Amino acid sequence: MSLLVWNPEWDTGIALIDQQHRSLLEQVDALMTAIHDNDVDRRIPGLLAFLADYVEQHFRVEEERMEATEYAGLAGHRAIHDDMRRQVASLVERFVADSQAVNEEVLEFLTDWLIKHINGEDRRMARHLHQWAATHPRTWS
């Protein structure tokens, strides 16, 4: 049973980024489900490893596109990504030290951050990418 459901209003109109956002939300949902089912020790290590790797891949995609299109908000957006990279690394470290440290409160933070980030920073980035694509032959689908 999913605790989190993707809202189509969160789509940026950039297929790869939207697919990655959905995958990230699915991983946070899987973490929440593992905690809710009290299956922390068996399922969470793999989910956290996947989440840490996937967040890095996703942020790299966004940052490469922002660099390629000379996005004025790149430095601020990258700083937000760097903060989240640290948060996810801290989550992994806390789990290694104490598997009970990963709880619903932590995952609510991740979910809240992800949704706010998508609806704020990523929407601004997507508008820039769409505007850039309208005046350049390359598109960001």
C-alpha atoms as a PDB file:
ATOM      1  CA  MET A   1       0.000   0.000   0.000  1.00  0.00           C
ATOM      2  CA  SER A   2       1.448   3.359  -1.023  1.00  0.00           C
ATOM      3  CA  LEU A   3       1.493   6.062   1.570  1.00  0.00           C
ATOM      4  CA  LEU A   4       2.598   8.679  -0.978  1.00  0.00           C
ATOM      5  CA  VAL A   5       0.969   9.197  -4.350  1.00  0.00           C
ATOM      6  CA  TRP A   6       2.404  11.280  -7.182  1.00  0.00           C
ATOM      7  CA  ASN A   7       0.369  14.371  -7.987  1.00  0.00           C
ATOM      8  CA  PRO A   8       0.441  15.214 -11.732  1.00  0.00           C
ATOM      9  CA  GLU A   9       0.520  18.905 -10.777  1.00  0.00           C
ATOM     10  CA  TRP A  10       4.138  18.304  -9.696  1.00  0.00           C
ATOM     11  CA  ASP A  11       5.200  17.533 -13.295  1.00  0.00           C
ATOM     12  CA  THR A  12       7.732  19.963 -14.758  1.00  0.00           C
ATOM     13  CA  GLY A  13       7.069  18.995 -18.366  1.00  0.00           C
ATOM     14  CA  ILE A  14      10.587  17.584 -18.705  1.00  0.00           C
ATOM     15  CA  ALA A  15      10.110  13.835 -19.091  1.00  0.00           C
ATOM     16  CA  LEU A  16      13.404  12.609 -17.620  1.00  0.00           C
ATOM     17  CA  ILE A  17      13.239  14.911 -14.592  1.00  0.00           C
ATOM     18  CA  ASP A  18       9.576  14.065 -13.966  1.00  0.00           C
ATOM     19  CA  GLN A  19      10.341  10.338 -14.152  1.00  0.00           C
ATOM     20  CA  GLN A  20      13.221  10.784 -11.716  1.00  0.00           C
ATOM     21  CA  HIS A  21      11.039  12.781  -9.326  1.00  0.00           C
ATOM     22  CA  ARG A  22       8.445   9.993  -9.379  1.00  0.00           C
ATOM     23  CA  SER A  23      11.158   7.409  -8.690  1.00  0.00           C
ATOM     24  CA  LEU A  24      12.524   9.433  -5.785  1.00  0.00           C
ATOM     25  CA  LEU A  25       9.060   9.756  -4.283  1.00  0.00           C
ATOM     26  CA  GLU A  26       8.532   6.003  -4.738  1.00  0.00           C
ATOM     27  CA  GLN A  27      11.751   5.329  -2.798  1.00  0.00           C
ATOM     28  CA  VAL A  28      10.691   7.600   0.044  1.00  0.00           C
ATOM     29  CA  ASP A  29       7.324   5.825   0.002  1.00  0.00           C
ATOM     30  CA  ALA A  30       9.075   2.437   0.146  1.00  0.00           C
ATOM     31  CA  LEU A  31      11.104   3.648   3.143  1.00  0.00           C
ATOM     32  CA  MET A  32       7.928   4.822   4.871  1.00  0.00           C
ATOM     33  CA  THR A  33       6.250   1.503   4.163  1.00  0.00           C
ATOM     34  CA  ALA A  34       9.225  -0.444   5.575  1.00  0.00           C
ATOM     35  CA  ILE A  35       9.078   1.627   8.762  1.00  0.00           C
ATOM     36  CA  HIS A  36       5.302   1.293   8.970  1.00  0.00           C
ATOM     37  CA  ASP A  37       5.591  -2.497   8.490  1.00  0.00           C
ATOM     38  CA  ASN A  38       8.373  -2.661  11.109  1.00  0.00           C
ATOM     39  CA  ASP A  39      10.698  -4.183   8.503  1.00  0.00           C
ATOM     40  CA  VAL A  40      13.539  -1.725   9.049  1.00  0.00           C
ATOM     41  CA  ASP A  41      16.563  -4.011   9.342  1.00  0.00           C
ATOM     42  CA  ARG A  42      15.766  -6.114   6.289  1.00  0.00           C
ATOM     43  CA  ARG A  43      14.552  -3.557   3.738  1.00  0.00           C
ATOM     44  CA  ILE A  44      15.966  -0.162   4.650  1.00  0.00           C
ATOM     45  CA  PRO A  45      19.712  -0.690   3.987  1.00  0.00           C
ATOM     46  CA  GLY A  46      19.100  -1.372   0.294  1.00  0.00           C
ATOM     47  CA  LEU A  47      16.501   1.383  -0.002  1.00  0.00           C
ATOM     48  CA  LEU A  48      18.827   3.939   1.598  1.00  0.00           C
ATOM     49  CA  ALA A  49      21.725   2.923  -0.642  1.00  0.00           C
ATOM     50  CA  PHE A  50      19.498   3.242  -3.696  1.00  0.00           C
ATOM     51  CA  LEU A  51      18.124   6.590  -2.517  1.00  0.00           C
ATOM     52  CA  ALA A  52      21.592   8.056  -1.880  1.00  0.00           C
ATOM     53  CA  ASP A  53      22.821   6.963  -5.320  1.00  0.00           C
ATOM     54  CA  TYR A  54      19.669   8.041  -7.121  1.00  0.00           C
ATOM     55  CA  VAL A  55      19.577  11.472  -5.500  1.00  0.00           C
ATOM     56  CA  GLU A  56      23.132  12.041  -6.724  1.00  0.00           C
ATOM     57  CA  GLN A  57      22.244  10.931 -10.270  1.00  0.00           C
ATOM     58  CA  HIS A  58      19.134  13.088 -10.336  1.00  0.00           C
ATOM     59  CA  PHE A  59      20.865  16.194  -9.017  1.00  0.00           C
ATOM     60  CA  ARG A  60      23.655  15.719 -11.549  1.00  0.00           C
ATOM     61  CA  VAL A  61      21.111  15.653 -14.412  1.00  0.00           C
ATOM     62  CA  GLU A  62      19.468  18.852 -13.216  1.00  0.00           C
ATOM     63  CA  GLU A  63      22.781  20.621 -12.607  1.00  0.00           C
ATOM     64  CA  GLU A  64      24.179  19.633 -16.007  1.00  0.00           C
ATOM     65  CA  ARG A  65      21.095  21.046 -17.714  1.00  0.00           C
ATOM     66  CA  MET A  66      21.274  24.245 -15.688  1.00  0.00           C
ATOM     67  CA  GLU A  67      24.972  24.655 -16.583  1.00  0.00           C
ATOM     68  CA  ALA A  68      24.345  23.947 -20.276  1.00  0.00           C
ATOM     69  CA  THR A  69      21.654  26.623 -20.420  1.00  0.00           C
ATOM     70  CA  GLU A  70      23.453  29.165 -18.219  1.00  0.00           C
ATOM     71  CA  TYR A  71      20.668  29.186 -15.631  1.00  0.00           C
ATOM     72  CA  ALA A  72      21.083  32.251 -13.410  1.00  0.00           C
ATOM     73  CA  GLY A  73      19.784  30.364 -10.375  1.00  0.00           C
ATOM     74  CA  LEU A  74      22.334  27.544 -10.670  1.00  0.00           C
ATOM     75  CA  ALA A  75      24.451  28.464  -7.632  1.00  0.00           C
ATOM     76  CA  GLY A  76      21.469  28.672  -5.301  1.00  0.00           C
ATOM     77  CA  HIS A  77      19.880  25.529  -6.703  1.00  0.00           C
ATOM     78  CA  ARG A  78      23.149  23.619  -6.396  1.00  0.00           C
ATOM     79  CA  ALA A  79      23.510  24.792  -2.764  1.00  0.00           C
ATOM     80  CA  ILE A  80      20.063  23.363  -2.014  1.00  0.00           C
ATOM     81  CA  HIS A  81      21.067  20.101  -3.692  1.00  0.00           C
ATOM     82  CA  ASP A  82      24.293  20.013  -1.681  1.00  0.00           C
ATOM     83  CA  ASP A  83      22.308  20.434   1.529  1.00  0.00           C
ATOM     84  CA  MET A  84      20.069  17.542   0.550  1.00  0.00           C
ATOM     85  CA  ARG A  85      23.093  15.410  -0.349  1.00  0.00           C
ATOM     86  CA  ARG A  86      24.340  16.021   3.201  1.00  0.00           C
ATOM     87  CA  GLN A  87      20.913  15.210   4.668  1.00  0.00           C
ATOM     88  CA  VAL A  88      20.724  11.877   2.821  1.00  0.00           C
ATOM     89  CA  ALA A  89      24.319  11.002   3.789  1.00  0.00           C
ATOM     90  CA  SER A  90      23.468  11.820   7.402  1.00  0.00           C
ATOM     91  CA  LEU A  91      20.377   9.626   7.187  1.00  0.00           C
ATOM     92  CA  VAL A  92      22.505   6.710   5.976  1.00  0.00           C
ATOM     93  CA  GLU A  93      25.077   7.313   8.737  1.00  0.00           C
ATOM     94  CA  ARG A  94      22.376   7.477  11.406  1.00  0.00           C
ATOM     95  CA  PHE A  95      20.867   4.234  10.169  1.00  0.00           C
ATOM     96  CA  VAL A  96      24.258   2.485  10.277  1.00  0.00           C
ATOM     97  CA  ALA A  97      24.741   3.697  13.866  1.00  0.00           C
ATOM     98  CA  ASP A  98      21.174   2.933  14.957  1.00  0.00           C
ATOM     99  CA  SER A  99      18.571   1.366  12.677  1.00  0.00           C
ATOM    100  CA  GLN A 100      15.791   2.891  14.790  1.00  0.00           C
ATOM    101  CA  ALA A 101      17.076   6.395  13.945  1.00  0.00           C
ATOM    102  CA  VAL A 102      15.311   6.221  10.591  1.00  0.00           C
ATOM    103  CA  ASN A 103      11.733   6.912  11.517  1.00  0.00           C
ATOM    104  CA  GLU A 104       8.621   8.435  10.025  1.00  0.00           C
ATOM    105  CA  GLU A 105       9.603  11.914  11.199  1.00  0.00           C
ATOM    106  CA  VAL A 106      12.798  11.771   9.111  1.00  0.00           C
ATOM    107  CA  LEU A 107      10.884  10.503   6.100  1.00  0.00           C
ATOM    108  CA  GLU A 108       8.211  13.163   6.482  1.00  0.00           C
ATOM    109  CA  PHE A 109      11.050  15.701   6.298  1.00  0.00           C
ATOM    110  CA  LEU A 110      12.371  14.059   3.106  1.00  0.00           C
ATOM    111  CA  THR A 111       8.900  13.983   1.548  1.00  0.00           C
ATOM    112  CA  ASP A 112       8.163  17.579   2.516  1.00  0.00           C
ATOM    113  CA  TRP A 113      11.550  18.709   1.175  1.00  0.00           C
ATOM    114  CA  LEU A 114      11.119  16.807  -2.090  1.00  0.00           C
ATOM    115  CA  ILE A 115       7.632  18.155  -2.768  1.00  0.00           C
ATOM    116  CA  LYS A 116       8.564  21.737  -1.837  1.00  0.00           C
ATOM    117  CA  HIS A 117      11.740  21.513  -3.928  1.00  0.00           C
ATOM    118  CA  ILE A 118       9.848  20.230  -6.962  1.00  0.00           C
ATOM    119  CA  ASN A 119       7.129  22.879  -6.650  1.00  0.00           C
ATOM    120  CA  GLY A 120       9.572  25.731  -6.046  1.00  0.00           C
ATOM    121  CA  GLU A 121      13.126  25.434  -7.277  1.00  0.00           C
ATOM    122  CA  ASP A 122      12.490  22.780  -9.917  1.00  0.00           C
ATOM    123  CA  ARG A 123       9.533  24.666 -11.389  1.00  0.00           C
ATOM    124  CA  ARG A 124      11.713  27.771 -11.789  1.00  0.00           C
ATOM    125  CA  MET A 125      14.460  25.666 -13.353  1.00  0.00           C
ATOM    126  CA  ALA A 126      11.958  23.965 -15.693  1.00  0.00           C
ATOM    127  CA  ARG A 127      10.549  27.318 -16.848  1.00  0.00           C
ATOM    128  CA  HIS A 128      14.083  28.403 -17.707  1.00  0.00           C
ATOM    129  CA  LEU A 129      14.809  25.134 -19.546  1.00  0.00           C
ATOM    130  CA  HIS A 130      11.562  25.406 -21.533  1.00  0.00           C
ATOM    131  CA  GLN A 131      12.311  29.033 -22.440  1.00  0.00           C
ATOM    132  CA  TRP A 132      15.838  28.100 -23.439  1.00  0.00           C
ATOM    133  CA  ALA A 133      14.605  25.161 -25.546  1.00  0.00           C
ATOM    134  CA  ALA A 134      12.147  27.453 -27.339  1.00  0.00           C
ATOM    135  CA  THR A 135      15.052  29.508 -28.687  1.00  0.00           C
ATOM    136  CA  HIS A 136      17.576  26.705 -29.228  1.00  0.00           C
ATOM    137  CA  PRO A 137      17.394  23.624 -31.420  1.00  0.00           C
ATOM    138  CA  ARG A 138      17.931  21.194 -28.501  1.00  0.00           C
ATOM    139  CA  THR A 139      14.948  20.317 -26.358  1.00  0.00           C
ATOM    140  CA  TRP A 140      14.682  18.919 -22.823  1.00  0.00           C
ATOM    141  CA  SER A 141      12.106  16.207 -23.103  1.00  0.00           C
END
